[in-house]
């Protein structure tokens, strides 16, 4: 089995060295970048399986780095390392292309579990996208392309984040059916914690705003269970 290639973008040299040595001893292949500028160059050069990115860094922070990478690379999973805990901060990370987050200080075992789970989940999603999600999905007067993540309304087009696109796809393909909060969180967040449930609520609100040009589309909150899209 090939080693999981990790690009760690972290400006704390001691922490970066500890993470690198620990992960390498566990069979990973870890490269280190010291800030977002170097991270972008190395991501293009080594094509990692996953990006592990600190948010607060000099020269270019993790959010800006991932935002720029996502212009050309929408599939490599990103795990943010953060000392922040506010829901809005975490949601911002998801919106610009992050896929998971881990709060500092963290245990090395938890980091390893998160990396393996994220890489596995994205490999499965890529296979699923290739096999079943290449066709555009009609949602009322909107059209969603789940591969390019483009949501179209007439001549207008908007590029969604990966999480927005996948959430909208799940609701659309299950139109008129209730999708449980647990199902959504496990598929898109990999964790059905109450904290992630609050993040999901924020994304639901954002999708409602994006779809408001068609008043026939409703995303209903089925209290205590989940969500249902009706058109």
C-alpha atoms as a PDB file:
ATOM      1  CA  UNK A   1       0.000   0.000   0.000  1.00  0.00           C
ATOM      2  CA  UNK A   2       1.364   3.434  -0.971  1.00  0.00           C
ATOM      3  CA  UNK A   3       2.198   5.849   1.804  1.00  0.00           C
ATOM      4  CA  UNK A   4      -0.240   8.718   2.373  1.00  0.00           C
ATOM      5  CA  UNK A   5       1.560  11.840   1.183  1.00  0.00           C
ATOM      6  CA  UNK A   6       0.967  14.695   3.646  1.00  0.00           C
ATOM      7  CA  UNK A   7       1.861  18.357   3.167  1.00  0.00           C
ATOM      8  CA  UNK A   8       2.019  19.987   6.596  1.00  0.00           C
ATOM      9  CA  UNK A   9       1.889  23.796   6.487  1.00  0.00           C
ATOM     10  CA  UNK A  10       2.877  25.016   9.951  1.00  0.00           C
ATOM     11  CA  UNK A  11       5.030  27.946  11.082  1.00  0.00           C
ATOM     12  CA  UNK A  12       5.770  26.567  14.568  1.00  0.00           C
ATOM     13  CA  UNK A  13       9.031  24.743  13.804  1.00  0.00           C
ATOM     14  CA  UNK A  14       9.024  22.524  16.893  1.00  0.00           C
ATOM     15  CA  UNK A  15       5.440  21.386  16.382  1.00  0.00           C
ATOM     16  CA  UNK A  16       6.046  20.785  12.680  1.00  0.00           C
ATOM     17  CA  UNK A  17       9.103  18.642  13.433  1.00  0.00           C
ATOM     18  CA  UNK A  18       7.230  16.582  16.063  1.00  0.00           C
ATOM     19  CA  UNK A  19       4.290  16.004  13.702  1.00  0.00           C
ATOM     20  CA  UNK A  20       6.590  15.094  10.816  1.00  0.00           C
ATOM     21  CA  UNK A  21       8.664  12.624  12.825  1.00  0.00           C
ATOM     22  CA  UNK A  22       5.596  11.003  14.394  1.00  0.00           C
ATOM     23  CA  UNK A  23       3.686  10.630  11.144  1.00  0.00           C
ATOM     24  CA  UNK A  24       6.725   9.362   9.262  1.00  0.00           C
ATOM     25  CA  UNK A  25       7.228   6.713  11.960  1.00  0.00           C
ATOM     26  CA  UNK A  26       3.601   5.661  11.398  1.00  0.00           C
ATOM     27  CA  UNK A  27       4.136   5.115   7.679  1.00  0.00           C
ATOM     28  CA  UNK A  28       3.188   8.507   6.250  1.00  0.00           C
ATOM     29  CA  UNK A  29       5.300  10.591   3.874  1.00  0.00           C
ATOM     30  CA  UNK A  30       5.354  14.121   5.337  1.00  0.00           C
ATOM     31  CA  UNK A  31       6.695  17.318   3.772  1.00  0.00           C
ATOM     32  CA  UNK A  32       6.732  20.660   5.600  1.00  0.00           C
ATOM     33  CA  UNK A  33       6.055  24.229   4.448  1.00  0.00           C
ATOM     34  CA  UNK A  34       6.567  27.142   6.830  1.00  0.00           C
ATOM     35  CA  UNK A  35       3.798  29.463   5.596  1.00  0.00           C
ATOM     36  CA  UNK A  36       1.038  29.779   3.004  1.00  0.00           C
ATOM     37  CA  UNK A  37       3.288  31.118   0.254  1.00  0.00           C
ATOM     38  CA  UNK A  38       5.642  28.154   0.529  1.00  0.00           C
ATOM     39  CA  UNK A  39       2.634  25.850   0.970  1.00  0.00           C
ATOM     40  CA  UNK A  40       1.183  26.804  -2.411  1.00  0.00           C
ATOM     41  CA  UNK A  41       4.496  26.153  -4.192  1.00  0.00           C
ATOM     42  CA  UNK A  42       5.002  22.796  -2.494  1.00  0.00           C
ATOM     43  CA  UNK A  43       1.414  21.670  -3.103  1.00  0.00           C
ATOM     44  CA  UNK A  44       1.943  22.200  -6.830  1.00  0.00           C
ATOM     45  CA  UNK A  45       5.324  20.459  -6.744  1.00  0.00           C
ATOM     46  CA  UNK A  46       4.552  17.302  -4.741  1.00  0.00           C
ATOM     47  CA  UNK A  47       0.792  16.809  -5.339  1.00  0.00           C
ATOM     48  CA  UNK A  48      -0.024  15.605  -1.776  1.00  0.00           C
ATOM     49  CA  UNK A  49      -2.869  13.289  -0.823  1.00  0.00           C
ATOM     50  CA  UNK A  50      -3.899  15.691   1.948  1.00  0.00           C
ATOM     51  CA  UNK A  51      -3.061  19.189   3.180  1.00  0.00           C
ATOM     52  CA  UNK A  52      -2.748  19.744   6.943  1.00  0.00           C
ATOM     53  CA  UNK A  53      -2.781  23.518   7.347  1.00  0.00           C
ATOM     54  CA  UNK A  54      -2.401  25.827  10.313  1.00  0.00           C
ATOM     55  CA  UNK A  55      -4.668  28.870  10.066  1.00  0.00           C
ATOM     56  CA  UNK A  56      -2.580  31.546  11.810  1.00  0.00           C
ATOM     57  CA  UNK A  57       0.714  31.963   9.919  1.00  0.00           C
ATOM     58  CA  UNK A  58       2.927  34.867   8.788  1.00  0.00           C
ATOM     59  CA  UNK A  59       3.149  36.073   5.162  1.00  0.00           C
ATOM     60  CA  UNK A  60      -0.018  34.210   4.151  1.00  0.00           C
ATOM     61  CA  UNK A  61      -2.471  32.538   6.514  1.00  0.00           C
ATOM     62  CA  UNK A  62      -4.038  29.135   5.989  1.00  0.00           C
ATOM     63  CA  UNK A  63      -7.399  30.480   4.814  1.00  0.00           C
ATOM     64  CA  UNK A  64      -5.840  32.579   2.042  1.00  0.00           C
ATOM     65  CA  UNK A  65      -3.563  29.737   1.009  1.00  0.00           C
ATOM     66  CA  UNK A  66      -6.405  27.223   0.655  1.00  0.00           C
ATOM     67  CA  UNK A  67      -8.587  29.787  -1.115  1.00  0.00           C
ATOM     68  CA  UNK A  68      -5.906  30.180  -3.780  1.00  0.00           C
ATOM     69  CA  UNK A  69      -5.264  26.450  -4.086  1.00  0.00           C
ATOM     70  CA  UNK A  70      -8.979  25.775  -4.523  1.00  0.00           C
ATOM     71  CA  UNK A  71      -9.064  27.868  -7.698  1.00  0.00           C
ATOM     72  CA  UNK A  72      -7.298  25.009  -9.487  1.00  0.00           C
ATOM     73  CA  UNK A  73      -7.534  22.069  -7.099  1.00  0.00           C
ATOM     74  CA  UNK A  74     -10.980  21.274  -5.751  1.00  0.00           C
ATOM     75  CA  UNK A  75     -10.368  17.703  -4.663  1.00  0.00           C
ATOM     76  CA  UNK A  76      -7.334  17.428  -2.378  1.00  0.00           C
ATOM     77  CA  UNK A  77      -8.728  17.213   1.171  1.00  0.00           C
ATOM     78  CA  UNK A  78      -7.735  19.940   3.638  1.00  0.00           C
ATOM     79  CA  UNK A  79      -7.514  19.544   7.407  1.00  0.00           C
ATOM     80  CA  UNK A  80      -7.185  22.850   9.257  1.00  0.00           C
ATOM     81  CA  UNK A  81      -5.295  23.126  12.527  1.00  0.00           C
ATOM     82  CA  UNK A  82      -6.760  25.925  14.617  1.00  0.00           C
ATOM     83  CA  UNK A  83      -6.748  27.464  18.051  1.00  0.00           C
ATOM     84  CA  UNK A  84     -10.055  29.086  17.161  1.00  0.00           C
ATOM     85  CA  UNK A  85     -13.339  27.642  18.388  1.00  0.00           C
ATOM     86  CA  UNK A  86     -16.077  30.024  17.189  1.00  0.00           C
ATOM     87  CA  UNK A  87     -18.598  28.455  14.801  1.00  0.00           C
ATOM     88  CA  UNK A  88     -18.168  31.313  12.315  1.00  0.00           C
ATOM     89  CA  UNK A  89     -14.418  30.747  12.114  1.00  0.00           C
ATOM     90  CA  UNK A  90     -14.878  27.049  11.461  1.00  0.00           C
ATOM     91  CA  UNK A  91     -17.625  27.709   8.897  1.00  0.00           C
ATOM     92  CA  UNK A  92     -15.337  30.171   7.091  1.00  0.00           C
ATOM     93  CA  UNK A  93     -12.757  27.413   6.816  1.00  0.00           C
ATOM     94  CA  UNK A  94     -15.324  25.059   5.296  1.00  0.00           C
ATOM     95  CA  UNK A  95     -16.596  27.715   2.897  1.00  0.00           C
ATOM     96  CA  UNK A  96     -13.214  28.453   1.377  1.00  0.00           C
ATOM     97  CA  UNK A  97     -12.504  24.767   0.810  1.00  0.00           C
ATOM     98  CA  UNK A  98     -11.575  23.095   4.083  1.00  0.00           C
ATOM     99  CA  UNK A  99     -12.903  19.622   4.812  1.00  0.00           C
ATOM    100  CA  UNK A 100     -12.175  19.094   8.492  1.00  0.00           C
ATOM    101  CA  UNK A 101     -10.580  20.871  11.434  1.00  0.00           C
ATOM    102  CA  UNK A 102      -8.636  19.925  14.530  1.00  0.00           C
ATOM    103  CA  UNK A 103      -8.270  22.226  17.511  1.00  0.00           C
ATOM    104  CA  UNK A 104      -4.899  22.852  19.120  1.00  0.00           C
ATOM    105  CA  UNK A 105      -3.604  21.318  21.296  1.00  0.00           C
ATOM    106  CA  UNK A 106      -4.357  17.924  19.752  1.00  0.00           C
ATOM    107  CA  UNK A 107      -3.164  14.363  20.285  1.00  0.00           C
ATOM    108  CA  UNK A 108      -1.070  12.761  17.576  1.00  0.00           C
ATOM    109  CA  UNK A 109      -3.386   9.753  17.547  1.00  0.00           C
ATOM    110  CA  UNK A 110      -6.370  11.969  16.806  1.00  0.00           C
ATOM    111  CA  UNK A 111      -4.469  13.669  13.987  1.00  0.00           C
ATOM    112  CA  UNK A 112      -3.600  10.288  12.472  1.00  0.00           C
ATOM    113  CA  UNK A 113      -7.203   9.090  12.692  1.00  0.00           C
ATOM    114  CA  UNK A 114      -8.485  12.309  11.095  1.00  0.00           C
ATOM    115  CA  UNK A 115      -5.986  12.158   8.235  1.00  0.00           C
ATOM    116  CA  UNK A 116      -6.749   8.523   7.419  1.00  0.00           C
ATOM    117  CA  UNK A 117     -10.512   9.070   7.600  1.00  0.00           C
ATOM    118  CA  UNK A 118     -10.388  12.162   5.399  1.00  0.00           C
ATOM    119  CA  UNK A 119      -8.213  10.568   2.718  1.00  0.00           C
ATOM    120  CA  UNK A 120     -10.410   7.464   2.682  1.00  0.00           C
ATOM    121  CA  UNK A 121     -13.604   9.499   2.499  1.00  0.00           C
ATOM    122  CA  UNK A 122     -12.338  11.572  -0.398  1.00  0.00           C
ATOM    123  CA  UNK A 123     -11.169   8.522  -2.338  1.00  0.00           C
ATOM    124  CA  UNK A 124     -14.660   7.068  -2.010  1.00  0.00           C
ATOM    125  CA  UNK A 125     -16.270  10.380  -3.009  1.00  0.00           C
ATOM    126  CA  UNK A 126     -14.080  10.682  -6.105  1.00  0.00           C
ATOM    127  CA  UNK A 127     -15.087   7.197  -7.240  1.00  0.00           C
ATOM    128  CA  UNK A 128     -18.726   8.030  -6.543  1.00  0.00           C
ATOM    129  CA  UNK A 129     -18.491  11.335  -8.419  1.00  0.00           C
ATOM    130  CA  UNK A 130     -16.929   9.647 -11.439  1.00  0.00           C
ATOM    131  CA  UNK A 131     -19.503   6.877 -11.518  1.00  0.00           C
ATOM    132  CA  UNK A 132     -22.759   8.603 -10.633  1.00  0.00           C
ATOM    133  CA  UNK A 133     -22.502  12.351 -10.236  1.00  0.00           C
ATOM    134  CA  UNK A 134     -21.234  13.553 -13.602  1.00  0.00           C
ATOM    135  CA  UNK A 135     -24.692  14.609 -14.803  1.00  0.00           C
ATOM    136  CA  UNK A 136     -26.138  18.008 -14.004  1.00  0.00           C
ATOM    137  CA  UNK A 137     -29.018  18.079 -11.541  1.00  0.00           C
ATOM    138  CA  UNK A 138     -32.148  20.169 -12.160  1.00  0.00           C
ATOM    139  CA  UNK A 139     -33.369  21.909  -9.012  1.00  0.00           C
ATOM    140  CA  UNK A 140     -36.438  23.931  -9.894  1.00  0.00           C
ATOM    141  CA  UNK A 141     -35.143  26.710 -12.160  1.00  0.00           C
ATOM    142  CA  UNK A 142     -31.563  26.046 -11.065  1.00  0.00           C
ATOM    143  CA  UNK A 143     -29.010  23.646 -12.523  1.00  0.00           C
ATOM    144  CA  UNK A 144     -26.235  22.135 -10.394  1.00  0.00           C
ATOM    145  CA  UNK A 145     -23.101  20.613 -11.862  1.00  0.00           C
ATOM    146  CA  UNK A 146     -21.712  18.557  -8.950  1.00  0.00           C
ATOM    147  CA  UNK A 147     -18.319  18.104 -10.627  1.00  0.00           C
ATOM    148  CA  UNK A 148     -17.521  21.756 -11.405  1.00  0.00           C
ATOM    149  CA  UNK A 149     -19.612  22.869  -8.379  1.00  0.00           C
ATOM    150  CA  UNK A 150     -21.374  25.456 -10.557  1.00  0.00           C
ATOM    151  CA  UNK A 151     -24.947  26.467  -9.687  1.00  0.00           C
ATOM    152  CA  UNK A 152     -26.691  28.102 -12.647  1.00  0.00           C
ATOM    153  CA  UNK A 153     -29.842  30.203 -12.845  1.00  0.00           C
ATOM    154  CA  UNK A 154     -30.539  31.282 -16.424  1.00  0.00           C
ATOM    155  CA  UNK A 155     -27.472  33.221 -17.569  1.00  0.00           C
ATOM    156  CA  UNK A 156     -26.168  33.589 -14.025  1.00  0.00           C
ATOM    157  CA  UNK A 157     -23.675  31.124 -12.608  1.00  0.00           C
ATOM    158  CA  UNK A 158     -22.083  30.819  -9.178  1.00  0.00           C
ATOM    159  CA  UNK A 159     -19.297  28.545  -8.044  1.00  0.00           C
ATOM    160  CA  UNK A 160     -20.110  26.822  -4.765  1.00  0.00           C
ATOM    161  CA  UNK A 161     -17.658  25.498  -2.218  1.00  0.00           C
ATOM    162  CA  UNK A 162     -17.199  21.726  -2.182  1.00  0.00           C
ATOM    163  CA  UNK A 163     -19.282  21.393   0.971  1.00  0.00           C
ATOM    164  CA  UNK A 164     -22.077  23.630  -0.361  1.00  0.00           C
ATOM    165  CA  UNK A 165     -22.186  21.676  -3.620  1.00  0.00           C
ATOM    166  CA  UNK A 166     -22.232  18.273  -1.932  1.00  0.00           C
ATOM    167  CA  UNK A 167     -24.877  19.340   0.588  1.00  0.00           C
ATOM    168  CA  UNK A 168     -27.083  20.690  -2.187  1.00  0.00           C
ATOM    169  CA  UNK A 169     -26.543  17.517  -4.235  1.00  0.00           C
ATOM    170  CA  UNK A 170     -27.553  15.278  -1.332  1.00  0.00           C
ATOM    171  CA  UNK A 171     -30.745  17.259  -0.717  1.00  0.00           C
ATOM    172  CA  UNK A 172     -31.588  17.410  -4.432  1.00  0.00           C
ATOM    173  CA  UNK A 173     -31.162  13.705  -5.200  1.00  0.00           C
ATOM    174  CA  UNK A 174     -33.336  12.973  -2.147  1.00  0.00           C
ATOM    175  CA  UNK A 175     -35.983  15.518  -3.120  1.00  0.00           C
ATOM    176  CA  UNK A 176     -39.208  15.145  -1.100  1.00  0.00           C
ATOM    177  CA  UNK A 177     -37.422  12.790   1.313  1.00  0.00           C
ATOM    178  CA  UNK A 178     -36.074  13.560   4.766  1.00  0.00           C
ATOM    179  CA  UNK A 179     -32.296  13.257   5.021  1.00  0.00           C
ATOM    180  CA  UNK A 180     -31.272  12.930   8.643  1.00  0.00           C
ATOM    181  CA  UNK A 181     -28.794  15.334  10.195  1.00  0.00           C
ATOM    182  CA  UNK A 182     -26.673  12.351  11.210  1.00  0.00           C
ATOM    183  CA  UNK A 183     -26.469  11.060   7.620  1.00  0.00           C
ATOM    184  CA  UNK A 184     -25.382  14.449   6.288  1.00  0.00           C
ATOM    185  CA  UNK A 185     -22.812  15.056   8.998  1.00  0.00           C
ATOM    186  CA  UNK A 186     -21.217  11.629   8.691  1.00  0.00           C
ATOM    187  CA  UNK A 187     -20.981  11.889   4.913  1.00  0.00           C
ATOM    188  CA  UNK A 188     -19.735  15.478   4.644  1.00  0.00           C
ATOM    189  CA  UNK A 189     -18.139  16.199   8.014  1.00  0.00           C
ATOM    190  CA  UNK A 190     -17.166  12.680   9.055  1.00  0.00           C
ATOM    191  CA  UNK A 191     -18.393  13.485  12.572  1.00  0.00           C
ATOM    192  CA  UNK A 192     -21.949  14.030  13.858  1.00  0.00           C
ATOM    193  CA  UNK A 193     -20.993  16.145  16.880  1.00  0.00           C
ATOM    194  CA  UNK A 194     -23.342  18.946  18.055  1.00  0.00           C
ATOM    195  CA  UNK A 195     -20.674  21.457  17.067  1.00  0.00           C
ATOM    196  CA  UNK A 196     -20.732  20.262  13.456  1.00  0.00           C
ATOM    197  CA  UNK A 197     -24.539  20.251  13.553  1.00  0.00           C
ATOM    198  CA  UNK A 198     -24.403  24.014  14.226  1.00  0.00           C
ATOM    199  CA  UNK A 199     -22.071  24.393  11.261  1.00  0.00           C
ATOM    200  CA  UNK A 200     -24.536  22.443   9.105  1.00  0.00           C
ATOM    201  CA  UNK A 201     -27.320  24.850  10.110  1.00  0.00           C
ATOM    202  CA  UNK A 202     -25.226  27.746   8.841  1.00  0.00           C
ATOM    203  CA  UNK A 203     -24.699  26.013   5.490  1.00  0.00           C
ATOM    204  CA  UNK A 204     -28.424  25.274   5.168  1.00  0.00           C
ATOM    205  CA  UNK A 205     -29.166  28.981   5.687  1.00  0.00           C
ATOM    206  CA  UNK A 206     -26.616  29.931   3.025  1.00  0.00           C
ATOM    207  CA  UNK A 207     -28.113  27.486   0.515  1.00  0.00           C
ATOM    208  CA  UNK A 208     -31.574  28.906   1.149  1.00  0.00           C
ATOM    209  CA  UNK A 209     -30.265  32.360   0.244  1.00  0.00           C
ATOM    210  CA  UNK A 210     -28.577  31.053  -2.903  1.00  0.00           C
ATOM    211  CA  UNK A 211     -31.834  29.418  -4.051  1.00  0.00           C
ATOM    212  CA  UNK A 212     -34.182  32.296  -3.226  1.00  0.00           C
ATOM    213  CA  UNK A 213     -34.591  33.313  -6.890  1.00  0.00           C
ATOM    214  CA  UNK A 214     -36.937  30.334  -7.219  1.00  0.00           C
ATOM    215  CA  UNK A 215     -39.637  30.659  -4.569  1.00  0.00           C
ATOM    216  CA  UNK A 216     -40.858  27.123  -5.300  1.00  0.00           C
ATOM    217  CA  UNK A 217     -37.724  25.618  -3.753  1.00  0.00           C
ATOM    218  CA  UNK A 218     -37.857  25.036  -0.011  1.00  0.00           C
ATOM    219  CA  UNK A 219     -35.353  23.411   2.315  1.00  0.00           C
ATOM    220  CA  UNK A 220     -37.439  22.368   5.292  1.00  0.00           C
ATOM    221  CA  UNK A 221     -36.087  21.769   8.764  1.00  0.00           C
ATOM    222  CA  UNK A 222     -37.702  18.608  10.117  1.00  0.00           C
ATOM    223  CA  UNK A 223     -37.182  19.333  13.795  1.00  0.00           C
ATOM    224  CA  UNK A 224     -35.087  16.786  15.614  1.00  0.00           C
ATOM    225  CA  UNK A 225     -34.621  14.658  12.488  1.00  0.00           C
ATOM    226  CA  UNK A 226     -33.033  16.445   9.555  1.00  0.00           C
ATOM    227  CA  UNK A 227     -33.839  18.329   6.349  1.00  0.00           C
ATOM    228  CA  UNK A 228     -36.041  17.899   3.297  1.00  0.00           C
ATOM    229  CA  UNK A 229     -35.962  19.709  -0.053  1.00  0.00           C
ATOM    230  CA  UNK A 230     -39.295  20.272  -1.778  1.00  0.00           C
ATOM    231  CA  UNK A 231     -39.752  21.837  -5.192  1.00  0.00           C
END
